[in-house]
Each structure stands twice: as C-alpha cells, then as structure tokens.
Amino acid sequence: MDLAAAIRSMTSLPASVFGMSDRGVIREGAVADLVVFDPDELTDNATYRDPHQFSEGVEYVFLGGRMAVERGEFNTELYGKVLTRN
C-alpha cells in the first residue's frame, strides 16, 4: 500500500463511513486534527513483546487545533476526546 492510500484509510475513509464530515479532511471548517511527520524518518518502535513504544519521525500533532506534540515532544495537556456516533 502506498503512503497516500495508507493515510486515506486512516483519515477520510473512516470519517466518511461514520458520517463525520468535519473530520479526516483538511479544509476550512473541519476539525484540525493533523500529524506532521517525515516519511523517511518514521519508525514504529513497538514490538509484540513491548507494544507501548513511541514511534519516531512524528514532529507535530494537532488535536482540535491545539498542539499536542511539538518537535517530537509531547505536551502535558490531553487534548484528545472520545468520538461518539449519534
């Protein structure tokens, strides 16, 4: 699977399946949940025996427009929220 297809399968595709028109896309009026990463540096460090490892290569994460990760370091605030289907 190429990178564009992988990103779509984690963003706009499930958002559209669950009827969340304000998520999974980058456009005016949408919720600003964004991840900025370097595809050449992206590494999954989790293993079967030690699954709770952070990935490398993720530079910034914005949740609802608020910066949760900056330069690879987590903010102490918890900006995420559980999404429910009405």
Protein backbone atom coordinates (compact mmCIF):
# COMPACT_ATOMS: atom_id res chain seq x y z
CA MET A 1 0.00 0.00 0.00
CA ASP A 2 1.44 3.40 -0.88
CA LEU A 3 1.60 6.28 1.60
CA ALA A 4 -1.37 8.20 0.14
CA ALA A 5 -3.62 5.12 0.36
CA ALA A 6 -2.49 4.40 3.92
CA ILE A 7 -3.22 7.97 5.01
CA ARG A 8 -6.65 7.92 3.37
CA SER A 9 -7.51 4.61 5.07
CA MET A 10 -6.74 6.21 8.46
CA THR A 11 -8.39 9.60 7.88
CA SER A 12 -11.06 10.50 5.33
CA LEU A 13 -12.28 6.95 4.66
CA PRO A 14 -13.31 6.04 8.23
CA ALA A 15 -14.59 9.59 8.82
CA SER A 16 -16.90 9.27 5.82
CA VAL A 17 -18.03 5.74 6.83
CA PHE A 18 -19.04 7.09 10.25
CA GLY A 19 -20.65 10.23 8.81
CA MET A 20 -18.12 12.65 10.32
CA SER A 21 -17.98 15.30 7.61
CA ASP A 22 -15.87 17.64 9.76
CA ARG A 23 -13.05 15.12 10.30
CA GLY A 24 -10.47 13.32 8.19
CA VAL A 25 -10.00 16.17 5.72
CA ILE A 26 -8.06 19.41 5.56
CA ARG A 27 -10.45 22.23 4.70
CA GLU A 28 -11.98 25.33 6.21
CA GLY A 29 -14.49 24.45 8.92
CA ALA A 30 -13.07 20.97 9.59
CA VAL A 31 -11.65 19.96 12.98
CA ALA A 32 -7.89 20.50 12.90
CA ASP A 33 -6.59 17.03 13.79
CA LEU A 34 -3.26 16.93 11.95
CA VAL A 35 0.00 14.99 12.11
CA VAL A 36 3.21 16.34 10.57
CA PHE A 37 5.81 13.64 10.02
CA ASP A 38 8.92 12.88 7.99
CA PRO A 39 8.19 9.73 5.98
CA ASP A 40 11.92 9.00 5.69
CA GLU A 41 12.32 9.09 9.48
CA LEU A 42 9.05 7.42 10.50
CA THR A 43 9.82 4.30 12.54
CA ASP A 44 7.49 2.10 14.57
CA ASN A 45 9.40 1.03 17.68
CA ALA A 46 6.63 -1.15 19.13
CA THR A 47 7.13 -4.90 19.20
CA TYR A 48 4.88 -7.80 20.08
CA ARG A 49 6.61 -8.19 23.45
CA ASP A 50 6.89 -4.43 24.13
CA PRO A 51 3.96 -2.74 22.35
CA HIS A 52 3.91 0.53 24.30
CA GLN A 53 6.72 2.30 22.46
CA PHE A 54 6.50 5.68 20.76
CA SER A 55 7.18 5.99 17.06
CA GLU A 56 9.98 8.16 15.74
CA GLY A 57 9.66 10.72 12.97
CA VAL A 58 6.45 12.40 14.18
CA GLU A 59 7.29 16.09 14.51
CA TYR A 60 3.96 17.77 15.29
CA VAL A 61 0.45 16.63 16.26
CA PHE A 62 -2.52 19.00 16.44
CA LEU A 63 -5.75 17.85 18.08
CA GLY A 64 -8.68 20.18 17.60
CA GLY A 65 -6.21 22.86 16.53
CA ARG A 66 -4.13 22.57 19.71
CA MET A 67 -0.51 21.43 19.58
CA ALA A 68 -0.18 18.10 21.41
CA VAL A 69 3.30 17.20 20.09
CA GLU A 70 5.93 19.78 19.23
CA ARG A 71 9.28 18.81 17.71
CA GLY A 72 8.65 15.20 18.71
CA GLU A 73 7.92 16.01 22.36
CA PHE A 74 4.53 15.51 23.99
CA ASN A 75 2.69 18.42 25.59
CA THR A 76 1.46 17.75 29.12
CA GLU A 77 -2.14 18.65 28.17
CA LEU A 78 -4.57 15.98 27.00
CA TYR A 79 -6.43 17.47 24.05
CA GLY A 80 -7.96 14.33 22.56
CA LYS A 81 -11.52 13.27 23.16
CA VAL A 82 -13.67 10.21 22.60
CA LEU A 83 -15.72 10.50 19.43
CA THR A 84 -19.21 9.08 19.61
CA ARG A 85 -21.65 8.33 16.87
CA ASN A 86 -25.05 9.98 17.26
